[in-house]
Amino acid sequence: MPGESAVLNSKTVTLETGRSRGSTICVSYPMPIMSTPDELANMPGADERLRRIESVTDAALAHLSVDDLLAELLERVQGLLKVDTVAVLLLDTSSEHLVATAAKGIEAEVRQGVRIPLGRGFAGRVAAEKKAVILPQVDHTTVLNPILWEHGIRSLLGVPLLTSGRIIGVLHVGTLGTRRFTDDDVQLLQIVADRVASAIQVRQAEAERTASRMLQRSLLPGRLPVVAGLEMAARYVPAERGGVGGDWYDVFVLPSGGLCVVMGDVVGRGFVAAEEMGRLRSALRAHVLFSNDPAEALSRLDQQVRHFDRPRMTATVQLAIFEPSFEQLRLSSAGHLPPVLALPERPADIIDVPGDPPIGVSAALRRRSTTINVPAGALLCFYTDGLIERRDTSLDIGLKRLCDTVVAGPVELVSASIMGKLIGDDPPADDIAMLVLRRQRITEIGPLQLALPAQPRSLKGIRDAIRCWLSAVGAGPRATADLLIAVGEACTNVVQHAYGPEVGIVTVHVELQLPDVVATIGDAGRWRLPRGDNRGRGMLVMRYCSDDVRIDYGPAGTTVVIRRRLAEEATR
């Protein structure tokens, strides 16, 4: 190679030759960044070395995972350079540490979880300076990792793993005997490192995409809750390119009987964004349990993020909480796009929700909540920006297109219409999350059907489900209390008397037969006779709390039918 071109296309190799008065003596010389096959042909024994280098990342390795690939590569590098140890340390960008990921010769580096701070020690210097380092003396004064000198390593050569000029790790080799690594050794190891870095990057990107997609899918609700009086539909579509983002939605029933709806978007892409989304989702669930005010819950979430994660995490969040009757909804926005509300026989419109700062941006003033009425038949659409934002159109146009598409109709049909008109056949440039909810009219609310183990732990779930259903159909306070007592007593009798030591099933069916509510409780067991004094009074309780009670005993089990007027107080 002409001397001039070699100097222009060069890296610096540092040779640590010893210490004088506490300072390292370094010798630097130019080194080609990447030798081409023509350049290698001019090196002594080039044909053989070129074949051996090409064998390091040949096509046979293409199907291997990252771990298997590194294990195979290190073995080949060990034979190529005739060294005793080979190790790869990959950079953990979040902690700025090099983590021992694969090793051959001294596997303890990996097994003991060696971590080297960027810029410190032998490997840390290689990574920080992005240049090769030769270390002829290995001891506590030159190497941070004691495993190396404790195992008798005498000489080290390390080169950076770079992709597009960005450091992703370090590849280093060592010998048990003293060895003077030559410039040919440095060139060969750097060529191998460049190929190793490329292979690792490709596989890591594939693994990260797969892992982030699986993580995000696992954190999204697998099944929307069944809530009497509301019908729901959801869509999640990842971007076709650029990796998974941090979009998410969540919906869950609160202890009060209300419903919490969350729509959020973490800034960023890839596994980190998906991981941060998971932490936000879990944290927000916890905060909502202690506050029915969405503004207060978002304030607590913001304080948590700014204390523990700032400045790494930023997210927009729309938080909405339905009251147990579902007639009112309280909303608070942390920089998120407002939901769309469609009323029966009226055009849809954007809900006027004050936009407070996103989560993690700044210490905001008091966050604000907005309360809206949700009449029977109304539909709400929550979404992330991927649904409406386009590079060639303004945000206002996207919002108008969404409002023109949303109607107060069946949620699945509305969801399909929105995706068809706003997305169509175009590949999504950004992740899309969407949640559509509609409050049903009383005549649309179907029966409540439950089938649970006849065990004491099931009784609370039965009460909660019946209370929610009665609220949805407009039962009065007295009727609700009476039915909860009567149905609860019938279910308790099944648990105590129907099956004995065996585990059976209690079934509950509640439906409207206007002007009444009819609850049917069934089992497939054989009731035991009441034991002890003051037993058998459940029938008196059920009759007192209802307008009519009928019990049918049979060989296939027992059925209890309870009838209670929906709105008017029963005549005693």
Protein backbone atom coordinates (compact mmCIF):
# COMPACT_ATOMS: atom_id res chain seq x y z
CA MET A 1 0.00 0.00 0.00
CA PRO A 2 1.34 3.48 -0.77
CA GLY A 3 2.44 5.16 2.41
CA GLU A 4 0.37 8.27 1.76
CA SER A 5 -2.96 6.42 1.46
CA ALA A 6 -2.21 4.33 4.49
CA VAL A 7 -1.76 7.46 6.57
CA LEU A 8 -4.92 9.12 5.26
CA ASN A 9 -7.04 6.03 5.98
CA SER A 10 -5.73 5.10 9.38
CA LYS A 11 -6.48 4.54 13.05
CA THR A 12 -4.09 4.94 15.95
CA VAL A 13 -2.85 1.88 17.80
CA THR A 14 -1.56 2.48 21.31
CA LEU A 15 1.23 0.24 22.56
CA GLU A 16 1.66 0.37 26.32
CA THR A 17 5.33 -0.46 26.93
CA GLY A 18 5.57 0.23 30.63
CA ARG A 19 5.29 2.93 33.27
CA SER A 20 7.64 5.77 34.17
CA ARG A 21 6.94 7.85 37.29
CA GLY A 22 3.33 6.73 37.29
CA SER A 23 2.73 7.53 33.61
CA THR A 24 2.05 5.11 30.77
CA ILE A 25 4.56 5.18 27.92
CA CYS A 26 2.62 4.87 24.62
CA VAL A 27 3.82 4.28 21.08
CA SER A 28 1.40 5.14 18.26
CA TYR A 29 1.50 4.18 14.62
CA PRO A 30 -0.95 4.30 11.71
CA MET A 31 -3.20 1.30 11.03
CA PRO A 32 -5.58 0.83 8.10
CA ILE A 33 -9.21 0.97 9.14
CA MET A 34 -10.24 -1.95 6.96
CA SER A 35 -8.05 -3.87 4.55
CA THR A 36 -9.59 -4.88 1.24
CA PRO A 37 -8.83 -8.26 -0.38
CA ASP A 38 -6.37 -6.46 -2.70
CA GLU A 39 -4.55 -4.96 0.28
CA LEU A 40 -4.46 -8.30 2.06
CA ALA A 41 -2.92 -9.87 -1.04
CA ASN A 42 0.23 -7.81 -0.39
CA MET A 43 0.62 -9.15 3.14
CA PRO A 44 2.93 -12.12 3.85
CA GLY A 45 0.94 -15.38 3.69
CA ALA A 46 -2.06 -13.35 2.62
CA ASP A 47 -3.90 -16.07 0.73
CA GLU A 48 -4.02 -18.39 3.70
CA ARG A 49 -4.90 -15.60 6.14
CA LEU A 50 -7.63 -14.27 3.85
CA ARG A 51 -9.22 -17.70 3.67
CA ARG A 52 -9.08 -18.01 7.44
CA ILE A 53 -10.54 -14.53 7.96
CA GLU A 54 -13.39 -15.25 5.57
CA SER A 55 -14.08 -18.41 7.53
CA VAL A 56 -14.78 -16.31 10.62
CA THR A 57 -18.12 -15.05 9.28
CA ASP A 58 -18.98 -17.45 6.48
CA ALA A 59 -22.50 -18.23 5.30
CA ALA A 60 -22.74 -21.26 7.60
CA LEU A 61 -23.05 -18.89 10.58
CA ALA A 62 -25.98 -16.94 9.19
CA HIS A 63 -28.64 -18.99 10.96
CA LEU A 64 -27.09 -18.82 14.44
CA SER A 65 -28.42 -16.78 17.34
CA VAL A 66 -26.25 -14.08 18.94
CA ASP A 67 -25.00 -16.39 21.72
CA ASP A 68 -24.26 -19.31 19.39
CA LEU A 69 -22.67 -16.98 16.83
CA LEU A 70 -20.28 -15.49 19.40
CA ALA A 71 -19.28 -18.91 20.72
CA GLU A 72 -18.42 -20.09 17.20
CA LEU A 73 -16.64 -16.85 16.27
CA LEU A 74 -14.44 -16.85 19.35
CA GLU A 75 -13.28 -20.38 18.71
CA ARG A 76 -12.33 -19.45 15.14
CA VAL A 77 -10.55 -16.26 16.26
CA GLN A 78 -8.59 -18.26 18.82
CA GLY A 79 -7.31 -20.55 16.11
CA LEU A 80 -6.70 -17.72 13.64
CA LEU A 81 -4.40 -15.70 15.93
CA LYS A 82 -3.08 -18.64 17.97
CA VAL A 83 -4.02 -17.07 21.31
CA ASP A 84 -5.08 -18.58 24.62
CA THR A 85 -8.09 -16.39 25.38
CA VAL A 86 -10.68 -14.49 23.36
CA ALA A 87 -13.50 -12.37 24.81
CA VAL A 88 -16.27 -10.10 23.61
CA LEU A 89 -17.61 -7.38 25.87
CA LEU A 90 -20.72 -5.56 24.59
CA LEU A 91 -21.64 -2.04 25.61
CA ASP A 92 -24.68 -1.52 27.84
CA THR A 93 -25.58 2.02 26.80
CA SER A 94 -27.92 2.60 29.74
CA SER A 95 -25.16 2.08 32.34
CA GLU A 96 -22.15 2.88 30.13
CA HIS A 97 -20.48 -0.38 31.11
CA LEU A 98 -18.90 -3.07 28.97
CA VAL A 99 -20.48 -6.42 29.86
CA ALA A 100 -18.62 -9.70 29.33
CA THR A 101 -20.91 -11.50 26.88
CA ALA A 102 -18.82 -14.34 25.46
CA ALA A 103 -15.39 -15.78 26.30
CA LYS A 104 -13.13 -18.60 25.18
CA GLY A 105 -10.25 -19.69 27.40
CA ILE A 106 -11.39 -17.83 30.53
CA GLU A 107 -15.16 -18.38 30.62
CA ALA A 108 -15.26 -17.03 34.19
CA GLU A 109 -15.47 -13.51 32.74
CA VAL A 110 -19.00 -14.26 31.59
CA ARG A 111 -20.01 -16.52 34.46
CA GLN A 112 -19.03 -13.93 37.04
CA GLY A 113 -20.78 -11.08 35.19
CA VAL A 114 -17.70 -8.92 34.61
CA ARG A 115 -18.60 -5.28 33.95
CA ILE A 116 -16.01 -2.67 32.96
CA PRO A 117 -16.83 1.07 33.13
CA LEU A 118 -16.40 2.89 29.85
CA GLY A 119 -13.01 4.60 29.82
CA ARG A 120 -11.49 2.58 32.65
CA GLY A 121 -9.18 -0.40 32.51
CA PHE A 122 -7.92 -2.09 29.37
CA ALA A 123 -11.23 -2.82 27.64
CA GLY A 124 -12.72 0.47 28.81
CA ARG A 125 -9.92 2.40 27.12
CA VAL A 126 -10.32 0.49 23.87
CA ALA A 127 -14.01 1.37 23.79
CA ALA A 128 -13.67 5.00 24.90
CA GLU A 129 -10.84 5.79 22.47
CA LYS A 130 -12.20 3.61 19.65
CA LYS A 131 -8.74 2.35 18.81
CA ALA A 132 -6.65 -0.77 19.21
CA VAL A 133 -4.52 -1.16 22.34
CA ILE A 134 -1.61 -3.58 22.84
CA LEU A 135 -0.79 -4.41 26.46
CA PRO A 136 2.44 -6.37 27.01
CA GLN A 137 2.14 -6.21 30.80
CA VAL A 138 -0.98 -7.51 32.57
CA ASP A 139 -1.36 -6.83 36.28
CA HIS A 140 -3.43 -4.75 38.70
CA THR A 141 -1.77 -1.55 37.46
CA THR A 142 -2.82 -2.02 33.85
CA VAL A 143 -5.99 -4.17 33.92
CA LEU A 144 -9.15 -3.51 35.92
CA ASN A 145 -10.46 -7.08 35.67
CA PRO A 146 -8.51 -9.28 38.17
CA ILE A 147 -9.64 -12.50 36.49
CA LEU A 148 -7.17 -11.93 33.66
CA TRP A 149 -3.99 -11.64 35.69
CA GLU A 150 -5.16 -14.23 38.23
CA HIS A 151 -5.39 -16.75 35.36
CA GLY A 152 -1.89 -15.94 34.19
CA ILE A 153 -2.54 -13.76 31.15
CA ARG A 154 0.66 -11.93 30.20
CA SER A 155 -0.17 -10.05 26.96
CA LEU A 156 -3.39 -8.53 25.59
CA LEU A 157 -4.56 -7.07 22.31
CA GLY A 158 -7.92 -5.36 22.11
CA VAL A 159 -9.80 -3.70 19.25
CA PRO A 160 -13.14 -1.86 19.20
CA LEU A 161 -16.33 -3.29 17.75
CA LEU A 162 -17.74 -0.46 15.62
CA THR A 163 -20.83 -0.05 13.46
CA SER A 164 -21.11 3.20 11.49
CA GLY A 165 -18.50 4.70 13.80
CA ARG A 166 -20.52 3.84 16.91
CA ILE A 167 -18.94 1.67 19.58
CA ILE A 168 -20.91 -1.46 20.47
CA GLY A 169 -18.22 -3.39 22.31
CA VAL A 170 -14.66 -4.68 22.47
CA LEU A 171 -12.96 -7.81 21.14
CA HIS A 172 -9.74 -8.74 22.92
CA VAL A 173 -7.32 -11.67 22.82
CA GLY A 174 -4.67 -12.73 25.31
CA THR A 175 -1.75 -15.11 25.77
CA LEU A 176 -0.38 -16.98 28.78
CA GLY A 177 3.16 -16.36 27.63
CA THR A 178 4.69 -13.00 26.82
CA ARG A 179 3.94 -12.09 23.20
CA ARG A 180 4.70 -9.08 21.09
CA PHE A 181 1.62 -8.52 18.96
CA THR A 182 2.58 -7.16 15.54
CA ASP A 183 0.88 -4.66 13.30
CA ASP A 184 -0.27 -7.64 11.20
CA ASP A 185 -1.96 -9.10 14.30
CA VAL A 186 -3.67 -5.77 14.93
CA GLN A 187 -4.86 -5.55 11.33
CA LEU A 188 -6.17 -9.09 11.31
CA LEU A 189 -8.02 -8.70 14.62
CA GLN A 190 -9.56 -5.39 13.52
CA ILE A 191 -10.75 -6.94 10.25
CA VAL A 192 -12.30 -9.77 12.24
CA ALA A 193 -13.79 -7.28 14.71
CA ASP A 194 -15.43 -5.28 11.91
CA ARG A 195 -17.05 -8.41 10.57
CA VAL A 196 -18.01 -9.61 14.03
CA ALA A 197 -19.54 -6.19 14.83
CA SER A 198 -21.60 -6.27 11.66
CA ALA A 199 -22.87 -9.77 12.36
CA ILE A 200 -23.67 -8.95 15.99
CA GLN A 201 -25.48 -5.76 15.02
CA VAL A 202 -27.71 -7.55 12.54
CA ARG A 203 -28.61 -10.30 14.96
CA GLN A 204 -29.07 -7.94 17.89
CA ALA A 205 -31.40 -5.78 15.81
CA GLU A 206 -33.44 -8.84 14.85
CA ALA A 207 -33.52 -10.11 18.44
CA GLU A 208 -34.45 -6.66 19.75
CA ARG A 209 -37.29 -6.28 17.27
CA THR A 210 -38.63 -9.70 18.20
CA ALA A 211 -38.22 -9.12 21.94
CA SER A 212 -39.74 -5.62 21.89
CA ARG A 213 -42.70 -6.81 19.84
CA MET A 214 -43.29 -9.74 22.18
CA LEU A 215 -42.92 -7.49 25.23
CA GLN A 216 -45.33 -4.92 23.90
CA ARG A 217 -47.89 -7.53 22.87
CA SER A 218 -47.65 -9.16 26.30
CA LEU A 219 -48.28 -5.84 28.06
CA LEU A 220 -51.33 -4.90 26.02
CA PRO A 221 -54.60 -6.30 27.37
CA GLY A 222 -54.99 -9.80 25.99
CA ARG A 223 -58.74 -9.59 26.46
CA LEU A 224 -60.83 -6.51 27.08
CA PRO A 225 -62.88 -6.67 30.28
CA VAL A 226 -66.54 -7.61 29.98
CA VAL A 227 -68.42 -4.69 31.51
CA ALA A 228 -72.19 -4.57 31.57
CA GLY A 229 -73.43 -1.42 29.86
CA LEU A 230 -70.30 -0.85 27.75
CA GLU A 231 -69.08 -2.44 24.56
CA MET A 232 -65.42 -2.11 23.60
CA ALA A 233 -63.09 -2.80 20.68
CA ALA A 234 -59.36 -2.19 20.33
CA ARG A 235 -56.72 -2.15 17.59
CA TYR A 236 -52.94 -2.20 17.78
CA VAL A 237 -50.79 -2.11 14.63
CA PRO A 238 -46.98 -1.75 14.83
CA ALA A 239 -45.12 0.41 12.34
CA GLU A 240 -43.98 -1.50 9.28
CA ARG A 241 -40.46 -0.07 9.55
CA GLY A 242 -38.26 1.40 12.26
CA GLY A 243 -38.98 -1.06 15.05
CA VAL A 244 -41.68 -1.21 17.69
CA GLY A 245 -42.54 2.01 19.50
CA GLY A 246 -43.98 2.77 22.92
CA ASP A 247 -47.70 3.05 22.09
CA TRP A 248 -50.07 1.34 24.49
CA TYR A 249 -53.63 1.24 25.72
CA ASP A 250 -55.11 -0.15 28.91
CA VAL A 251 -58.60 -0.61 30.29
CA PHE A 252 -59.55 -2.13 33.64
CA VAL A 253 -62.30 -2.11 36.27
CA LEU A 254 -61.59 -0.18 39.46
CA PRO A 255 -62.49 -1.31 43.00
CA SER A 256 -65.18 1.40 43.04
CA GLY A 257 -66.91 -0.26 40.10
CA GLY A 258 -65.79 2.44 37.69
CA LEU A 259 -63.66 1.87 34.60
CA CYS A 260 -60.21 3.25 33.85
CA VAL A 261 -59.10 3.89 30.27
CA VAL A 262 -55.49 4.74 29.35
CA MET A 263 -53.98 5.68 26.01
CA GLY A 264 -50.26 6.48 25.96
CA ASP A 265 -47.19 6.90 23.78
CA VAL A 266 -43.58 6.72 25.04
CA VAL A 267 -41.12 8.76 22.99
CA GLY A 268 -38.63 6.53 21.18
CA ARG A 269 -38.55 3.17 19.45
CA GLY A 270 -37.28 -0.34 20.00
CA PHE A 271 -36.91 -2.47 23.09
CA VAL A 272 -36.12 0.48 25.38
CA ALA A 273 -39.37 2.24 24.47
CA ALA A 274 -41.37 -0.97 24.95
CA GLU A 275 -39.68 -1.58 28.31
CA GLU A 276 -40.40 1.97 29.49
CA MET A 277 -43.98 1.61 28.33
CA GLY A 278 -44.34 -1.48 30.52
CA ARG A 279 -43.04 0.38 33.57
CA LEU A 280 -45.38 3.32 32.95
CA ARG A 281 -48.35 1.03 32.51
CA SER A 282 -47.70 -0.80 35.80
CA ALA A 283 -46.99 2.42 37.70
CA LEU A 284 -50.12 4.15 36.43
CA ARG A 285 -52.28 1.18 37.40
CA ALA A 286 -50.97 1.46 40.95
CA HIS A 287 -51.53 5.23 41.14
CA VAL A 288 -55.10 4.97 39.84
CA LEU A 289 -55.97 2.48 42.60
CA PHE A 290 -55.42 5.26 45.16
CA SER A 291 -57.11 8.10 43.30
CA ASN A 292 -60.25 8.44 41.22
CA ASP A 293 -59.00 11.83 40.00
CA PRO A 294 -57.09 11.31 36.72
CA ALA A 295 -55.17 14.57 37.14
CA GLU A 296 -53.89 13.48 40.54
CA ALA A 297 -52.89 10.05 39.22
CA LEU A 298 -50.95 11.63 36.33
CA SER A 299 -49.26 14.05 38.73
CA ARG A 300 -48.03 11.15 40.82
CA LEU A 301 -46.84 9.34 37.72
CA ASP A 302 -44.99 12.45 36.56
CA GLN A 303 -43.28 12.84 39.93
CA GLN A 304 -42.18 9.21 39.81
CA VAL A 305 -40.76 9.48 36.30
CA ARG A 306 -38.94 12.75 36.94
CA HIS A 307 -37.41 11.34 40.13
CA PHE A 308 -36.33 7.92 38.86
CA ASP A 309 -36.12 8.11 35.06
CA ARG A 310 -35.43 11.70 34.05
CA PRO A 311 -34.20 12.67 31.51
CA ARG A 312 -34.49 9.30 29.79
CA MET A 313 -38.27 8.89 29.64
CA THR A 314 -40.89 11.13 28.07
CA ALA A 315 -44.44 10.08 27.30
CA THR A 316 -47.86 11.45 26.45
CA VAL A 317 -50.81 9.94 28.32
CA GLN A 318 -54.58 10.31 28.14
CA LEU A 319 -56.25 9.05 31.31
CA ALA A 320 -60.04 8.71 31.65
CA ILE A 321 -62.09 7.29 34.52
CA PHE A 322 -65.77 6.34 34.18
CA GLU A 323 -67.98 6.61 37.21
CA PRO A 324 -69.69 3.31 38.18
CA SER A 325 -72.89 4.38 36.44
CA PHE A 326 -70.87 5.21 33.26
CA GLU A 327 -72.94 8.39 32.94
CA GLN A 328 -69.92 10.63 33.53
CA LEU A 329 -66.28 10.51 32.51
CA ARG A 330 -63.34 12.43 34.02
CA LEU A 331 -60.33 13.01 31.76
CA SER A 332 -56.85 14.41 32.10
CA SER A 333 -54.30 14.79 29.30
CA ALA A 334 -50.52 14.76 29.66
CA GLY A 335 -49.77 16.17 26.22
CA HIS A 336 -51.83 13.50 24.44
CA LEU A 337 -54.27 13.97 21.58
CA PRO A 338 -57.88 14.42 22.77
CA PRO A 339 -60.45 11.66 22.32
CA VAL A 340 -63.39 11.93 19.94
CA LEU A 341 -66.99 11.77 21.17
CA ALA A 342 -69.92 10.78 18.96
CA LEU A 343 -73.51 11.15 20.19
CA PRO A 344 -76.51 9.39 18.62
CA GLU A 345 -77.69 11.18 15.47
CA ARG A 346 -75.07 13.92 15.87
CA PRO A 347 -71.68 14.42 14.19
CA ALA A 348 -68.59 13.44 16.17
CA ASP A 349 -66.38 16.10 17.71
CA ILE A 350 -63.14 16.38 19.66
CA ILE A 351 -63.51 16.58 23.44
CA ASP A 352 -62.12 19.84 24.77
CA VAL A 353 -59.51 18.53 27.23
CA PRO A 354 -56.83 21.00 28.46
CA GLY A 355 -53.42 19.81 27.33
CA ASP A 356 -50.98 19.62 30.25
CA PRO A 357 -47.26 18.87 29.72
CA PRO A 358 -46.21 15.30 28.83
CA ILE A 359 -44.93 12.97 31.52
CA GLY A 360 -41.28 13.54 32.40
CA VAL A 361 -40.88 16.89 30.63
CA SER A 362 -41.04 19.44 33.45
CA ALA A 363 -42.45 20.10 36.87
CA ALA A 364 -45.90 21.16 35.72
CA LEU A 365 -48.38 23.30 37.55
CA ARG A 366 -51.42 21.57 38.95
CA ARG A 367 -52.75 19.16 36.33
CA ARG A 368 -56.38 19.55 35.31
CA SER A 369 -59.34 17.18 35.00
CA THR A 370 -62.37 17.62 32.76
CA THR A 371 -65.76 16.00 33.39
CA ILE A 372 -68.14 15.17 30.54
CA ASN A 373 -71.53 13.50 30.38
CA VAL A 374 -71.78 10.24 28.47
CA PRO A 375 -75.43 9.64 27.52
CA ALA A 376 -76.70 6.20 26.55
CA GLY A 377 -75.65 5.35 23.00
CA ALA A 378 -72.60 7.68 23.02
CA LEU A 379 -69.29 6.43 21.59
CA LEU A 380 -65.73 7.45 22.55
CA CYS A 381 -62.58 6.92 20.47
CA PHE A 382 -59.13 7.04 22.11
CA TYR A 383 -56.04 6.77 19.88
CA THR A 384 -52.33 7.52 19.41
CA ASP A 385 -50.87 9.91 16.83
CA GLY A 386 -49.99 7.16 14.35
CA LEU A 387 -53.68 6.96 13.43
CA ILE A 388 -53.98 10.55 12.17
CA GLU A 389 -50.51 12.06 11.59
CA ARG A 390 -49.17 12.10 8.02
CA ARG A 391 -46.09 13.87 6.71
CA ASP A 392 -47.91 15.47 3.80
CA THR A 393 -50.96 16.74 5.74
CA SER A 394 -51.55 18.86 8.82
CA LEU A 395 -52.70 17.46 12.14
CA ASP A 396 -55.99 19.36 11.85
CA ILE A 397 -56.79 17.55 8.62
CA GLY A 398 -56.09 14.20 10.28
CA LEU A 399 -58.35 15.05 13.20
CA LYS A 400 -61.13 16.14 10.85
CA ARG A 401 -60.87 12.88 8.91
CA LEU A 402 -61.18 10.97 12.17
CA CYS A 403 -64.23 12.96 13.31
CA ASP A 404 -65.88 12.45 9.91
CA THR A 405 -65.44 8.68 10.30
CA VAL A 406 -66.49 8.18 13.93
CA VAL A 407 -70.21 7.53 14.51
CA ALA A 408 -72.23 6.31 17.49
CA GLY A 409 -72.61 2.74 16.23
CA PRO A 410 -71.44 -0.81 17.02
CA VAL A 411 -67.82 -0.60 18.14
CA GLU A 412 -66.41 -3.32 15.89
CA LEU A 413 -67.96 -1.78 12.79
CA VAL A 414 -66.78 1.70 13.79
CA SER A 415 -63.23 0.42 14.45
CA ALA A 416 -63.10 -1.32 11.08
CA SER A 417 -64.38 1.82 9.35
CA ILE A 418 -61.77 4.03 11.04
CA MET A 419 -58.88 1.75 10.11
CA GLY A 420 -60.17 1.31 6.58
CA LYS A 421 -60.57 5.04 5.86
CA LEU A 422 -57.55 6.41 7.75
CA ILE A 423 -55.06 3.60 7.11
CA GLY A 424 -56.36 1.59 4.18
CA ASP A 425 -53.61 -0.20 2.27
CA ASP A 426 -50.84 2.20 3.32
CA PRO A 427 -48.05 0.72 5.48
CA PRO A 428 -48.17 2.41 8.92
CA ALA A 429 -45.24 4.79 9.38
CA ASP A 430 -45.83 4.83 13.15
CA ASP A 431 -47.42 2.52 15.69
CA ILE A 432 -51.19 2.77 16.01
CA ALA A 433 -53.18 2.09 19.17
CA MET A 434 -56.92 2.70 19.27
CA LEU A 435 -59.68 1.96 21.78
CA VAL A 436 -63.37 2.48 21.03
CA LEU A 437 -66.07 2.35 23.76
CA ARG A 438 -69.83 2.81 23.51
CA ARG A 439 -72.31 3.14 26.34
CA GLN A 440 -75.22 0.86 25.60
CA ARG A 441 -78.87 1.71 25.98
CA ILE A 442 -80.79 -0.30 28.56
CA THR A 443 -82.56 -2.27 25.86
CA GLU A 444 -79.19 -3.30 24.38
CA ILE A 445 -77.73 -4.68 27.58
CA GLY A 446 -77.77 -8.44 27.48
CA PRO A 447 -78.05 -10.88 30.39
CA LEU A 448 -75.22 -11.34 32.85
CA GLN A 449 -73.91 -14.90 32.88
CA LEU A 450 -71.36 -16.22 35.35
CA ALA A 451 -69.95 -19.69 36.07
CA LEU A 452 -67.43 -19.81 38.91
CA PRO A 453 -66.05 -22.42 41.35
CA ALA A 454 -68.39 -22.93 44.30
CA GLN A 455 -65.82 -21.58 46.75
CA PRO A 456 -65.90 -18.62 49.15
CA ARG A 457 -63.37 -16.67 47.04
CA SER A 458 -65.87 -16.54 44.17
CA LEU A 459 -68.53 -14.65 46.13
CA LYS A 460 -66.87 -11.24 45.86
CA GLY A 461 -66.51 -11.58 42.09
CA ILE A 462 -70.19 -12.46 41.79
CA ARG A 463 -71.24 -9.44 43.88
CA ASP A 464 -69.00 -7.06 41.89
CA ALA A 465 -70.32 -8.30 38.54
CA ILE A 466 -73.97 -8.05 39.64
CA ARG A 467 -73.47 -4.56 41.09
CA CYS A 468 -71.92 -3.38 37.81
CA TRP A 469 -74.71 -4.94 35.73
CA LEU A 470 -77.45 -3.46 37.91
CA SER A 471 -75.85 -0.01 37.63
CA ALA A 472 -75.81 -0.34 33.85
CA VAL A 473 -79.52 -1.20 33.61
CA GLY A 474 -80.50 1.64 35.93
CA ALA A 475 -81.53 -0.26 39.05
CA GLY A 476 -82.41 1.94 42.01
CA PRO A 477 -80.29 1.95 45.20
CA ARG A 478 -82.78 -0.11 47.23
CA ALA A 479 -83.31 -2.63 44.44
CA THR A 480 -79.55 -2.99 43.99
CA ALA A 481 -78.96 -3.59 47.71
CA ASP A 482 -81.83 -6.11 47.95
CA LEU A 483 -80.70 -8.10 44.92
CA LEU A 484 -77.08 -8.21 46.09
CA ILE A 485 -78.22 -9.61 49.44
CA ALA A 486 -80.66 -12.12 47.96
CA VAL A 487 -78.35 -13.41 45.22
CA GLY A 488 -75.41 -13.43 47.64
CA GLU A 489 -77.38 -15.59 50.08
CA ALA A 490 -78.34 -18.06 47.34
CA CYS A 491 -74.71 -18.34 46.16
CA THR A 492 -73.46 -18.77 49.73
CA ASN A 493 -75.89 -21.65 50.18
CA VAL A 494 -74.44 -23.32 47.08
CA VAL A 495 -70.91 -22.94 48.43
CA GLN A 496 -71.85 -24.32 51.85
CA HIS A 497 -74.37 -27.04 51.01
CA ALA A 498 -74.32 -28.19 47.39
CA TYR A 499 -71.06 -30.09 46.90
CA GLY A 500 -69.52 -30.98 50.25
CA PRO A 501 -65.74 -31.58 49.95
CA GLU A 502 -65.95 -31.73 46.16
CA VAL A 503 -65.34 -28.64 44.05
CA GLY A 504 -68.34 -27.77 41.89
CA ILE A 505 -69.65 -24.82 39.88
CA VAL A 506 -72.15 -22.14 40.80
CA THR A 507 -73.91 -20.50 37.85
CA VAL A 508 -75.60 -17.08 37.92
CA HIS A 509 -77.84 -15.70 35.18
CA VAL A 510 -79.32 -12.20 35.59
CA GLU A 511 -81.60 -10.63 32.98
CA LEU A 512 -84.18 -7.91 32.50
CA GLN A 513 -87.82 -8.95 32.27
CA LEU A 514 -89.24 -5.47 32.56
CA PRO A 515 -90.32 -4.16 34.93
CA ASP A 516 -88.38 -6.83 36.88
CA VAL A 517 -84.86 -8.20 37.21
CA VAL A 518 -84.75 -11.99 37.33
CA ALA A 519 -81.71 -13.78 38.81
CA THR A 520 -81.28 -17.54 38.45
CA ILE A 521 -78.68 -19.32 40.61
CA GLY A 522 -77.90 -22.95 39.84
CA ASP A 523 -75.69 -25.85 40.88
CA ALA A 524 -75.21 -29.50 39.97
CA GLY A 525 -74.81 -30.85 43.52
CA ARG A 526 -76.94 -32.45 46.21
CA TRP A 527 -77.78 -30.14 49.09
CA ARG A 528 -77.02 -31.23 52.64
CA LEU A 529 -79.60 -30.66 55.37
CA PRO A 530 -78.94 -27.63 57.62
CA ARG A 531 -76.76 -28.51 60.62
CA GLY A 532 -76.81 -26.85 64.04
CA ASP A 533 -79.10 -24.26 65.57
CA ASN A 534 -80.26 -21.09 63.82
CA ARG A 535 -79.56 -22.54 60.37
CA GLY A 536 -81.84 -22.56 57.33
CA ARG A 537 -82.76 -18.87 57.56
CA GLY A 538 -81.36 -18.03 54.12
CA MET A 539 -84.80 -18.50 52.60
CA LEU A 540 -86.27 -15.86 54.92
CA VAL A 541 -83.55 -13.39 53.90
CA MET A 542 -84.09 -14.03 50.19
CA ARG A 543 -87.88 -13.65 50.49
CA TYR A 544 -87.53 -10.41 52.44
CA CYS A 545 -85.21 -8.87 49.80
CA SER A 546 -87.21 -9.89 46.73
CA ASP A 547 -90.71 -9.89 45.28
CA ASP A 548 -90.68 -13.61 44.58
CA VAL A 549 -88.38 -16.60 45.23
CA ARG A 550 -88.71 -20.08 43.75
CA ILE A 551 -86.48 -23.07 44.54
CA ASP A 552 -86.49 -26.18 42.34
CA TYR A 553 -84.76 -29.29 43.71
CA GLY A 554 -83.92 -32.14 41.37
CA PRO A 555 -81.49 -35.01 40.71
CA ALA A 556 -79.42 -32.77 38.39
CA GLY A 557 -79.04 -30.03 41.01
CA THR A 558 -80.87 -27.07 42.53
CA THR A 559 -82.12 -23.87 40.89
CA VAL A 560 -83.07 -20.70 42.77
CA VAL A 561 -85.04 -18.01 40.87
CA ILE A 562 -85.23 -14.53 42.43
CA ARG A 563 -87.44 -11.78 41.03
CA ARG A 564 -87.19 -8.12 42.06
CA ARG A 565 -88.73 -4.95 40.56
CA LEU A 566 -86.07 -2.83 38.83
CA ALA A 567 -86.94 0.73 39.85
CA GLU A 568 -89.96 0.74 42.14
CA GLU A 569 -89.70 -0.35 45.74
CA ALA A 570 -91.22 -3.74 46.33
CA THR A 571 -94.34 -3.98 48.45
CA ARG A 572 -93.66 -5.81 51.67
